[in-house]
N, C-alpha and C. Protein backbone atom coordinates (compact mmCIF):
# COMPACT_ATOMS: atom_id res chain seq x y z
N UNK A 1 107.07 72.31 119.83
CA UNK A 1 106.92 73.77 119.62
C UNK A 1 105.78 74.08 118.72
N UNK A 2 104.94 75.00 119.02
CA UNK A 2 103.82 75.32 118.22
C UNK A 2 104.19 76.20 117.07
N UNK A 3 103.73 75.84 115.84
CA UNK A 3 103.95 76.53 114.69
C UNK A 3 103.19 77.83 114.64
N UNK A 4 103.88 78.90 114.31
CA UNK A 4 103.28 80.23 114.24
C UNK A 4 102.45 80.36 112.95
N UNK A 5 101.40 81.17 113.03
CA UNK A 5 100.61 81.38 111.84
C UNK A 5 101.27 82.40 110.94
N UNK A 6 100.75 82.54 109.68
CA UNK A 6 101.38 83.45 108.75
C UNK A 6 101.32 84.86 109.26
N UNK A 7 100.21 85.23 109.92
CA UNK A 7 100.04 86.57 110.41
C UNK A 7 100.99 87.01 111.53
N UNK A 8 101.35 85.95 112.35
CA UNK A 8 102.30 86.34 113.43
C UNK A 8 103.75 86.24 112.91
N UNK A 9 104.07 85.47 111.85
CA UNK A 9 105.40 85.34 111.39
C UNK A 9 105.80 86.56 110.59
N UNK A 10 104.89 86.96 109.71
CA UNK A 10 105.24 88.05 108.80
C UNK A 10 104.05 89.07 108.91
N UNK A 11 104.15 89.98 109.92
CA UNK A 11 103.15 90.98 110.04
C UNK A 11 103.32 92.07 108.95
N UNK A 12 102.42 92.08 108.00
CA UNK A 12 102.41 93.06 106.97
C UNK A 12 101.12 93.84 106.87
N UNK A 13 100.83 94.32 105.71
CA UNK A 13 99.65 95.19 105.58
C UNK A 13 98.42 94.32 105.76
N UNK A 14 98.41 93.08 105.37
CA UNK A 14 97.25 92.18 105.51
C UNK A 14 96.95 91.95 106.96
N UNK A 15 98.03 91.77 107.72
CA UNK A 15 97.89 91.54 109.16
C UNK A 15 97.37 92.83 109.85
N UNK A 16 97.84 93.96 109.40
CA UNK A 16 97.38 95.18 109.95
C UNK A 16 95.84 95.44 109.68
N UNK A 17 95.45 95.12 108.50
CA UNK A 17 94.03 95.28 108.20
C UNK A 17 93.13 94.22 108.87
N UNK A 18 93.67 92.97 109.07
CA UNK A 18 92.99 92.02 109.79
C UNK A 18 92.81 92.42 111.35
N UNK A 19 93.94 92.99 111.89
CA UNK A 19 93.86 93.50 113.28
C UNK A 19 92.89 94.65 113.36
N UNK A 20 92.89 95.51 112.40
CA UNK A 20 92.02 96.64 112.43
C UNK A 20 90.58 96.24 112.46
N UNK A 21 90.18 95.20 111.67
CA UNK A 21 88.80 94.70 111.72
C UNK A 21 88.48 94.07 113.06
N UNK A 22 89.48 93.59 113.78
CA UNK A 22 89.22 92.93 115.02
C UNK A 22 89.07 93.94 116.17
N UNK A 23 89.38 95.15 115.96
CA UNK A 23 89.36 96.20 117.01
C UNK A 23 87.92 96.39 117.46
N UNK A 24 87.76 96.44 118.81
CA UNK A 24 86.35 96.60 119.34
C UNK A 24 85.72 97.98 118.88
N UNK A 25 86.55 98.97 118.67
CA UNK A 25 86.04 100.29 118.25
C UNK A 25 85.46 100.25 116.85
N UNK A 26 86.07 99.44 115.94
CA UNK A 26 85.62 99.33 114.66
C UNK A 26 84.22 98.68 114.60
N UNK A 27 83.98 97.77 115.53
CA UNK A 27 82.62 97.12 115.56
C UNK A 27 81.52 98.05 116.01
N UNK A 28 81.87 99.20 116.57
CA UNK A 28 80.88 100.20 116.98
C UNK A 28 80.61 101.22 115.85
N UNK A 29 81.40 101.12 114.76
CA UNK A 29 81.13 102.09 113.66
C UNK A 29 79.81 101.76 113.04
N UNK A 30 79.10 102.72 112.42
CA UNK A 30 77.85 102.33 111.72
C UNK A 30 78.16 101.52 110.45
N UNK A 31 77.14 100.90 109.94
CA UNK A 31 77.28 100.04 108.86
C UNK A 31 77.80 100.76 107.57
N UNK A 32 77.24 102.01 107.35
CA UNK A 32 77.65 102.82 106.20
C UNK A 32 79.10 103.24 106.25
N UNK A 33 79.61 103.41 107.49
CA UNK A 33 81.02 103.73 107.68
C UNK A 33 81.89 102.56 107.26
N UNK A 34 81.48 101.38 107.68
CA UNK A 34 82.25 100.20 107.31
C UNK A 34 82.23 99.95 105.80
N UNK A 35 81.04 100.20 105.24
CA UNK A 35 81.00 100.04 103.74
C UNK A 35 81.95 101.07 103.01
N UNK A 36 81.97 102.25 103.55
CA UNK A 36 82.87 103.27 102.99
C UNK A 36 84.32 102.88 103.14
N UNK A 37 84.64 102.34 104.27
CA UNK A 37 85.97 101.85 104.49
C UNK A 37 86.40 100.75 103.52
N UNK A 38 85.46 99.83 103.31
CA UNK A 38 85.75 98.74 102.36
C UNK A 38 85.80 99.20 100.91
N UNK A 39 85.01 100.16 100.55
CA UNK A 39 85.09 100.75 99.25
C UNK A 39 86.40 101.44 98.98
N UNK A 40 86.85 102.18 100.00
CA UNK A 40 88.16 102.79 99.91
C UNK A 40 89.26 101.82 99.79
N UNK A 41 89.16 100.72 100.48
CA UNK A 41 90.21 99.68 100.49
C UNK A 41 90.22 98.94 99.16
N UNK A 42 89.09 98.68 98.59
CA UNK A 42 89.03 97.75 97.40
C UNK A 42 89.03 98.55 96.01
N UNK A 43 88.96 99.81 95.99
CA UNK A 43 88.87 100.49 94.74
C UNK A 43 90.12 100.43 93.89
N UNK A 44 91.24 100.49 94.51
CA UNK A 44 92.55 100.45 93.79
C UNK A 44 92.78 99.09 93.19
N UNK A 45 92.71 97.92 93.94
CA UNK A 45 92.91 96.66 93.25
C UNK A 45 91.75 96.34 92.27
N UNK A 46 90.59 96.82 92.50
CA UNK A 46 89.51 96.56 91.58
C UNK A 46 89.74 97.28 90.20
N UNK A 47 90.10 98.52 90.34
CA UNK A 47 90.34 99.39 89.06
C UNK A 47 91.56 98.88 88.29
N UNK A 48 92.74 98.78 88.95
CA UNK A 48 93.93 98.35 88.23
C UNK A 48 93.84 96.86 87.82
N UNK A 49 93.36 96.03 88.73
CA UNK A 49 93.23 94.61 88.42
C UNK A 49 92.26 94.37 87.25
N UNK A 50 91.15 95.03 87.22
CA UNK A 50 90.17 94.85 86.18
C UNK A 50 90.79 95.41 84.85
N UNK A 51 91.44 96.55 84.92
CA UNK A 51 92.05 97.05 83.67
C UNK A 51 93.18 96.12 83.12
N UNK A 52 93.98 95.61 83.99
CA UNK A 52 94.98 94.68 83.61
C UNK A 52 94.44 93.37 82.98
N UNK A 53 93.39 92.82 83.71
CA UNK A 53 92.76 91.65 83.23
C UNK A 53 92.15 91.85 81.82
N UNK A 54 91.40 92.89 81.64
CA UNK A 54 90.76 93.23 80.40
C UNK A 54 91.76 93.52 79.32
N UNK A 55 92.82 94.20 79.64
CA UNK A 55 93.91 94.44 78.64
C UNK A 55 94.55 93.18 78.18
N UNK A 56 94.73 92.27 79.14
CA UNK A 56 95.32 90.91 78.82
C UNK A 56 94.36 90.14 77.90
N UNK A 57 93.13 90.25 78.17
CA UNK A 57 92.11 89.60 77.31
C UNK A 57 92.13 90.22 75.95
N UNK A 58 92.30 91.51 75.89
CA UNK A 58 92.24 92.16 74.61
C UNK A 58 93.44 91.72 73.80
N UNK A 59 94.57 91.59 74.41
CA UNK A 59 95.77 91.21 73.59
C UNK A 59 95.60 89.70 73.20
N UNK A 60 95.10 88.90 74.12
CA UNK A 60 94.97 87.49 73.72
C UNK A 60 93.93 87.24 72.62
N UNK A 61 92.73 88.00 72.67
CA UNK A 61 91.73 87.81 71.71
C UNK A 61 91.84 88.72 70.46
N UNK A 62 92.72 89.79 70.62
CA UNK A 62 92.80 90.81 69.52
C UNK A 62 91.49 91.44 69.27
N UNK A 63 90.82 91.78 70.36
CA UNK A 63 89.47 92.45 70.32
C UNK A 63 89.49 93.73 71.15
N UNK A 64 89.21 94.89 70.53
CA UNK A 64 89.25 96.12 71.18
C UNK A 64 88.04 96.21 72.28
N UNK A 65 87.10 95.40 72.14
CA UNK A 65 85.99 95.48 73.10
C UNK A 65 86.40 95.36 74.52
N UNK A 66 87.42 94.51 74.80
CA UNK A 66 87.85 94.32 76.18
C UNK A 66 88.63 95.54 76.65
N UNK A 67 89.19 96.29 75.81
CA UNK A 67 89.83 97.57 76.29
C UNK A 67 88.72 98.53 76.82
N UNK A 68 87.52 98.58 76.12
CA UNK A 68 86.48 99.40 76.48
C UNK A 68 85.94 98.90 77.84
N UNK A 69 85.78 97.58 78.01
CA UNK A 69 85.30 97.04 79.31
C UNK A 69 86.24 97.36 80.45
N UNK A 70 87.53 97.25 80.16
CA UNK A 70 88.59 97.57 81.19
C UNK A 70 88.50 99.02 81.57
N UNK A 71 88.32 99.93 80.55
CA UNK A 71 88.25 101.34 80.88
C UNK A 71 86.97 101.60 81.70
N UNK A 72 85.90 100.96 81.42
CA UNK A 72 84.62 101.09 82.20
C UNK A 72 84.88 100.59 83.65
N UNK A 73 85.59 99.51 83.77
CA UNK A 73 85.88 99.05 85.18
C UNK A 73 86.76 100.03 85.93
N UNK A 74 87.75 100.63 85.20
CA UNK A 74 88.56 101.66 85.83
C UNK A 74 87.78 102.88 86.30
N UNK A 75 86.90 103.32 85.38
CA UNK A 75 86.03 104.46 85.74
C UNK A 75 85.16 104.13 86.92
N UNK A 76 84.62 102.88 86.96
CA UNK A 76 83.77 102.46 88.04
C UNK A 76 84.56 102.46 89.36
N UNK A 77 85.84 102.19 89.26
CA UNK A 77 86.64 102.15 90.53
C UNK A 77 86.82 103.65 91.08
N UNK A 78 86.76 104.62 90.17
CA UNK A 78 86.74 106.02 90.66
C UNK A 78 85.39 106.32 91.36
N UNK A 79 84.27 105.83 90.89
CA UNK A 79 83.03 105.98 91.52
C UNK A 79 83.05 105.33 92.90
N UNK A 80 83.71 104.17 92.93
CA UNK A 80 83.76 103.45 94.24
C UNK A 80 84.60 104.33 95.22
N UNK A 81 85.69 105.04 94.73
CA UNK A 81 86.45 105.89 95.60
C UNK A 81 85.61 107.06 96.15
N UNK A 82 84.88 107.64 95.16
CA UNK A 82 84.06 108.83 95.62
C UNK A 82 82.98 108.35 96.61
N UNK A 83 82.33 107.25 96.40
CA UNK A 83 81.26 106.76 97.28
C UNK A 83 81.91 106.33 98.59
N UNK A 84 83.06 105.79 98.61
CA UNK A 84 83.74 105.45 99.91
C UNK A 84 84.07 106.66 100.67
N UNK A 85 84.58 107.76 99.99
CA UNK A 85 84.88 108.94 100.77
C UNK A 85 83.61 109.57 101.30
N UNK A 86 82.53 109.56 100.51
CA UNK A 86 81.28 110.07 100.89
C UNK A 86 80.73 109.37 102.13
N UNK A 87 80.79 108.03 102.08
CA UNK A 87 80.20 107.25 103.17
C UNK A 87 81.06 107.29 104.42
N UNK A 88 82.39 107.21 104.26
CA UNK A 88 83.24 107.27 105.49
C UNK A 88 83.24 108.70 106.02
N UNK A 89 83.40 109.68 105.18
CA UNK A 89 83.34 111.00 105.61
C UNK A 89 84.64 111.48 106.38
N UNK A 90 84.81 112.79 106.52
CA UNK A 90 86.06 113.20 107.17
C UNK A 90 85.95 112.93 108.62
N UNK A 91 84.77 112.97 109.27
CA UNK A 91 84.66 112.77 110.69
C UNK A 91 85.03 111.28 111.08
N UNK A 92 84.64 110.35 110.23
CA UNK A 92 84.94 108.99 110.45
C UNK A 92 86.45 108.69 110.18
N UNK A 93 86.99 109.40 109.20
CA UNK A 93 88.42 109.24 108.94
C UNK A 93 89.25 109.76 110.08
N UNK A 94 88.85 110.83 110.69
CA UNK A 94 89.59 111.31 111.89
C UNK A 94 89.40 110.32 113.04
N UNK A 95 88.23 109.77 113.21
CA UNK A 95 87.95 108.84 114.27
C UNK A 95 88.84 107.59 114.07
N UNK A 96 88.86 107.08 112.86
CA UNK A 96 89.64 105.89 112.61
C UNK A 96 91.13 106.15 112.76
N UNK A 97 91.61 107.34 112.39
CA UNK A 97 92.98 107.69 112.52
C UNK A 97 93.39 107.76 114.04
N UNK A 98 92.54 108.35 114.80
CA UNK A 98 92.76 108.48 116.15
C UNK A 98 92.81 107.14 116.93
N UNK A 99 91.89 106.29 116.56
CA UNK A 99 91.85 104.96 117.20
C UNK A 99 92.99 104.03 116.81
N UNK A 100 93.48 104.22 115.58
CA UNK A 100 94.47 103.29 115.10
C UNK A 100 95.93 103.73 115.25
N UNK A 101 96.13 105.00 115.62
CA UNK A 101 97.58 105.47 115.71
C UNK A 101 98.36 104.60 116.69
N UNK A 102 97.81 104.39 117.87
CA UNK A 102 98.51 103.64 118.88
C UNK A 102 98.77 102.15 118.40
N UNK A 103 97.81 101.57 117.82
CA UNK A 103 97.93 100.21 117.29
C UNK A 103 98.90 100.12 116.19
N UNK A 104 98.94 101.13 115.32
CA UNK A 104 99.83 101.12 114.19
C UNK A 104 101.37 101.25 114.68
N UNK A 105 101.48 102.09 115.72
CA UNK A 105 102.84 102.20 116.27
C UNK A 105 103.32 100.89 116.89
N UNK A 106 102.41 100.18 117.52
CA UNK A 106 102.75 98.91 118.17
C UNK A 106 103.08 97.89 117.11
N UNK A 107 102.28 97.88 115.98
CA UNK A 107 102.50 97.01 114.91
C UNK A 107 103.89 97.27 114.27
N UNK A 108 104.17 98.51 114.11
CA UNK A 108 105.46 98.91 113.48
C UNK A 108 106.66 98.47 114.36
N UNK A 109 106.51 98.62 115.67
CA UNK A 109 107.60 98.21 116.57
C UNK A 109 107.72 96.68 116.56
N UNK A 110 106.59 95.89 116.42
CA UNK A 110 106.67 94.51 116.31
C UNK A 110 107.32 94.07 115.08
N UNK A 111 107.01 94.72 114.01
CA UNK A 111 107.58 94.34 112.69
C UNK A 111 109.08 94.66 112.69
N UNK A 112 109.50 95.82 113.28
CA UNK A 112 110.92 96.18 113.30
C UNK A 112 111.68 95.17 114.17
N UNK A 113 111.04 94.73 115.32
CA UNK A 113 111.73 93.88 116.21
C UNK A 113 111.95 92.47 115.51
N UNK A 114 111.00 92.05 114.71
CA UNK A 114 111.12 90.74 114.03
C UNK A 114 112.08 90.79 112.87
N UNK A 115 112.14 91.93 112.25
CA UNK A 115 113.00 91.99 111.05
C UNK A 115 114.44 92.18 111.60
N UNK A 116 114.64 92.90 112.72
CA UNK A 116 115.96 93.12 113.20
C UNK A 116 116.48 91.85 113.92
N UNK A 117 115.68 90.95 114.40
CA UNK A 117 116.04 89.74 115.16
C UNK A 117 116.60 88.71 114.26
């Protein structure tokens, strides 16, 4: 019996994003639209993760400098969000939503069938 990969055993948000990147429609998007999508995707973990890491360093070293660096990283993540929205734009967001609705429903049915089984 062939062992299933992680993405087929536990379809989660990572599997959904991986499948989205594999869609043929996404490959036709312009480069700036793909960059905007990645900026939108990465701004939250970058901002909170950077702030958490710098706050931990600040506590460990008892130096307030790291709090300022963490705050700067958090502010930079907001710039990433704004740039991502600007690059992706509302037209691209509508296009992505339209193209992924059907695949998202199929992914949701797959996940429900595996959890229910």
